[in-house]
Amino acid sequence: MVIGKQIEERRKSLGISQADLAEMSGVSLRTISAIENDSANPSIEVLSRILSSLGLVISLQERIIHE
């Protein structure tokens, strides 16, 4: 699942509008909409602000690369 869809699903599960998320995170409504529609890729800083507002964190996982 792509990040925009995950953000949208979490936002909706919390009953938060895009406008509310924009206000909570300090990210413009236009940017929130674009991320959720997969027409924009957020920077790590913007993503962190959005996820923090949704009670989520950025996590890195190691994956095995087969050579």
N, C-alpha and C. Protein backbone atom coordinates (compact mmCIF):
# COMPACT_ATOMS: atom_id res chain seq x y z
N MET A 1 0.85 -1.18 0.00
CA MET A 1 0.00 0.00 0.00
C MET A 1 0.89 1.24 0.00
N VAL A 2 0.53 2.20 -0.79
CA VAL A 2 1.33 3.43 -0.88
C VAL A 2 1.01 4.35 0.29
N ILE A 3 1.94 5.22 0.59
CA ILE A 3 1.85 6.07 1.79
C ILE A 3 0.61 6.97 1.80
N GLY A 4 0.24 7.51 0.64
CA GLY A 4 -0.93 8.39 0.60
C GLY A 4 -2.20 7.69 1.04
N LYS A 5 -2.38 6.46 0.60
CA LYS A 5 -3.57 5.68 0.97
C LYS A 5 -3.55 5.35 2.46
N GLN A 6 -2.37 5.04 2.98
CA GLN A 6 -2.25 4.75 4.41
C GLN A 6 -2.61 5.97 5.25
N ILE A 7 -2.14 7.13 4.82
CA ILE A 7 -2.45 8.37 5.54
C ILE A 7 -3.95 8.62 5.50
N GLU A 8 -4.54 8.48 4.32
CA GLU A 8 -5.98 8.70 4.18
C GLU A 8 -6.78 7.74 5.06
N GLU A 9 -6.43 6.48 5.06
CA GLU A 9 -7.16 5.50 5.86
C GLU A 9 -7.04 5.79 7.35
N ARG A 10 -5.84 6.15 7.81
CA ARG A 10 -5.65 6.47 9.23
C ARG A 10 -6.44 7.73 9.59
N ARG A 11 -6.37 8.74 8.74
CA ARG A 11 -7.10 9.99 8.99
C ARG A 11 -8.59 9.72 9.12
N LYS A 12 -9.13 8.95 8.19
CA LYS A 12 -10.56 8.64 8.22
C LYS A 12 -10.94 7.80 9.43
N SER A 13 -10.08 6.86 9.81
CA SER A 13 -10.38 6.02 10.97
C SER A 13 -10.44 6.85 12.26
N LEU A 14 -9.72 7.96 12.28
CA LEU A 14 -9.72 8.86 13.43
C LEU A 14 -10.83 9.92 13.34
N GLY A 15 -11.53 9.93 12.21
CA GLY A 15 -12.61 10.91 12.03
C GLY A 15 -12.11 12.32 11.82
N ILE A 16 -10.94 12.44 11.21
CA ILE A 16 -10.32 13.75 10.99
C ILE A 16 -10.47 14.12 9.51
N SER A 17 -10.87 15.35 9.24
CA SER A 17 -10.97 15.83 7.86
C SER A 17 -9.58 16.21 7.36
N GLN A 18 -9.45 16.36 6.06
CA GLN A 18 -8.19 16.82 5.49
C GLN A 18 -7.85 18.20 6.04
N ALA A 19 -8.86 19.05 6.17
CA ALA A 19 -8.63 20.40 6.69
C ALA A 19 -8.12 20.35 8.13
N ASP A 20 -8.70 19.46 8.93
CA ASP A 20 -8.25 19.31 10.32
C ASP A 20 -6.80 18.83 10.37
N LEU A 21 -6.47 17.85 9.52
CA LEU A 21 -5.11 17.33 9.49
C LEU A 21 -4.13 18.42 9.05
N ALA A 22 -4.54 19.21 8.08
CA ALA A 22 -3.69 20.31 7.62
C ALA A 22 -3.39 21.27 8.77
N GLU A 23 -4.42 21.61 9.52
CA GLU A 23 -4.24 22.53 10.65
C GLU A 23 -3.39 21.90 11.75
N MET A 24 -3.65 20.65 12.06
CA MET A 24 -2.91 19.96 13.12
C MET A 24 -1.43 19.81 12.78
N SER A 25 -1.13 19.55 11.52
CA SER A 25 0.24 19.25 11.12
C SER A 25 1.01 20.47 10.62
N GLY A 26 0.30 21.55 10.31
CA GLY A 26 0.97 22.72 9.75
C GLY A 26 1.35 22.53 8.29
N VAL A 27 0.69 21.58 7.63
CA VAL A 27 0.90 21.29 6.22
C VAL A 27 -0.34 21.76 5.47
N SER A 28 -0.16 22.38 4.31
CA SER A 28 -1.30 22.94 3.60
C SER A 28 -2.31 21.86 3.20
N LEU A 29 -3.56 22.26 3.14
CA LEU A 29 -4.64 21.36 2.71
C LEU A 29 -4.36 20.83 1.31
N ARG A 30 -3.85 21.67 0.45
CA ARG A 30 -3.53 21.27 -0.92
C ARG A 30 -2.47 20.15 -0.92
N THR A 31 -1.48 20.27 -0.05
CA THR A 31 -0.43 19.25 0.04
C THR A 31 -0.98 17.95 0.60
N ILE A 32 -1.81 18.02 1.63
CA ILE A 32 -2.44 16.82 2.20
C ILE A 32 -3.22 16.10 1.12
N SER A 33 -4.02 16.84 0.38
CA SER A 33 -4.83 16.25 -0.69
C SER A 33 -3.95 15.60 -1.76
N ALA A 34 -2.91 16.29 -2.16
CA ALA A 34 -2.01 15.77 -3.19
C ALA A 34 -1.31 14.49 -2.73
N ILE A 35 -0.90 14.45 -1.47
CA ILE A 35 -0.24 13.25 -0.94
C ILE A 35 -1.22 12.08 -0.92
N GLU A 36 -2.43 12.32 -0.44
CA GLU A 36 -3.43 11.26 -0.37
C GLU A 36 -3.82 10.75 -1.76
N ASN A 37 -3.74 11.61 -2.75
CA ASN A 37 -4.09 11.23 -4.12
C ASN A 37 -2.87 10.72 -4.90
N ASP A 38 -1.76 10.56 -4.22
CA ASP A 38 -0.51 10.08 -4.82
C ASP A 38 -0.03 10.93 -6.00
N SER A 39 -0.31 12.22 -5.92
CA SER A 39 0.21 13.12 -6.94
C SER A 39 1.35 13.98 -6.41
N ALA A 40 1.75 13.70 -5.16
CA ALA A 40 2.90 14.39 -4.56
C ALA A 40 3.59 13.44 -3.59
N ASN A 41 4.90 13.56 -3.50
CA ASN A 41 5.69 12.79 -2.54
C ASN A 41 6.20 13.74 -1.48
N PRO A 42 5.81 13.52 -0.22
CA PRO A 42 6.23 14.45 0.83
C PRO A 42 7.71 14.27 1.20
N SER A 43 8.31 15.36 1.63
CA SER A 43 9.66 15.26 2.19
C SER A 43 9.55 14.52 3.52
N ILE A 44 10.67 14.08 4.04
CA ILE A 44 10.68 13.39 5.34
C ILE A 44 10.11 14.31 6.43
N GLU A 45 10.46 15.59 6.37
CA GLU A 45 9.97 16.54 7.37
C GLU A 45 8.45 16.66 7.32
N VAL A 46 7.89 16.83 6.13
CA VAL A 46 6.44 16.96 5.98
C VAL A 46 5.76 15.65 6.39
N LEU A 47 6.30 14.53 5.94
CA LEU A 47 5.74 13.24 6.29
C LEU A 47 5.74 13.05 7.81
N SER A 48 6.82 13.42 8.46
CA SER A 48 6.92 13.29 9.91
C SER A 48 5.86 14.12 10.61
N ARG A 49 5.62 15.33 10.15
CA ARG A 49 4.61 16.20 10.76
C ARG A 49 3.22 15.61 10.60
N ILE A 50 2.93 15.08 9.42
CA ILE A 50 1.61 14.48 9.17
C ILE A 50 1.43 13.24 10.03
N LEU A 51 2.42 12.35 10.00
CA LEU A 51 2.31 11.11 10.76
C LEU A 51 2.21 11.36 12.25
N SER A 52 2.97 12.32 12.75
CA SER A 52 2.91 12.66 14.17
C SER A 52 1.50 13.11 14.55
N SER A 53 0.87 13.88 13.69
CA SER A 53 -0.50 14.35 13.94
C SER A 53 -1.50 13.20 13.95
N LEU A 54 -1.16 12.12 13.27
CA LEU A 54 -2.03 10.94 13.20
C LEU A 54 -1.64 9.87 14.22
N GLY A 55 -0.66 10.18 15.07
CA GLY A 55 -0.22 9.22 16.08
C GLY A 55 0.61 8.10 15.51
N LEU A 56 1.30 8.36 14.41
CA LEU A 56 2.14 7.37 13.75
C LEU A 56 3.59 7.84 13.73
N VAL A 57 4.50 6.93 13.46
CA VAL A 57 5.92 7.25 13.35
C VAL A 57 6.50 6.67 12.07
N ILE A 58 7.58 7.25 11.61
CA ILE A 58 8.31 6.72 10.47
C ILE A 58 9.20 5.59 10.99
N SER A 59 9.20 4.51 10.27
CA SER A 59 10.01 3.36 10.67
C SER A 59 10.76 2.82 9.46
N LEU A 60 12.02 2.48 9.66
CA LEU A 60 12.82 1.88 8.61
C LEU A 60 13.00 0.40 8.94
N GLN A 61 12.90 -0.42 7.92
CA GLN A 61 13.10 -1.85 8.10
C GLN A 61 14.18 -2.32 7.15
N GLU A 62 15.00 -3.19 7.66
CA GLU A 62 16.03 -3.79 6.82
C GLU A 62 15.40 -4.91 6.01
N ARG A 63 15.75 -4.98 4.76
CA ARG A 63 15.25 -6.09 3.95
C ARG A 63 16.44 -6.81 3.35
N ILE A 64 16.25 -8.04 3.09
CA ILE A 64 17.30 -8.87 2.52
C ILE A 64 17.34 -8.65 1.01
N ILE A 65 18.52 -8.36 0.53
CA ILE A 65 18.70 -8.15 -0.91
C ILE A 65 19.41 -9.39 -1.47
N HIS A 66 18.75 -10.03 -2.38
CA HIS A 66 19.35 -11.22 -3.00
C HIS A 66 20.21 -10.80 -4.18
N GLU A 67 21.42 -11.28 -4.18
CA GLU A 67 22.33 -10.92 -5.27
C GLU A 67 22.40 -12.00 -6.31
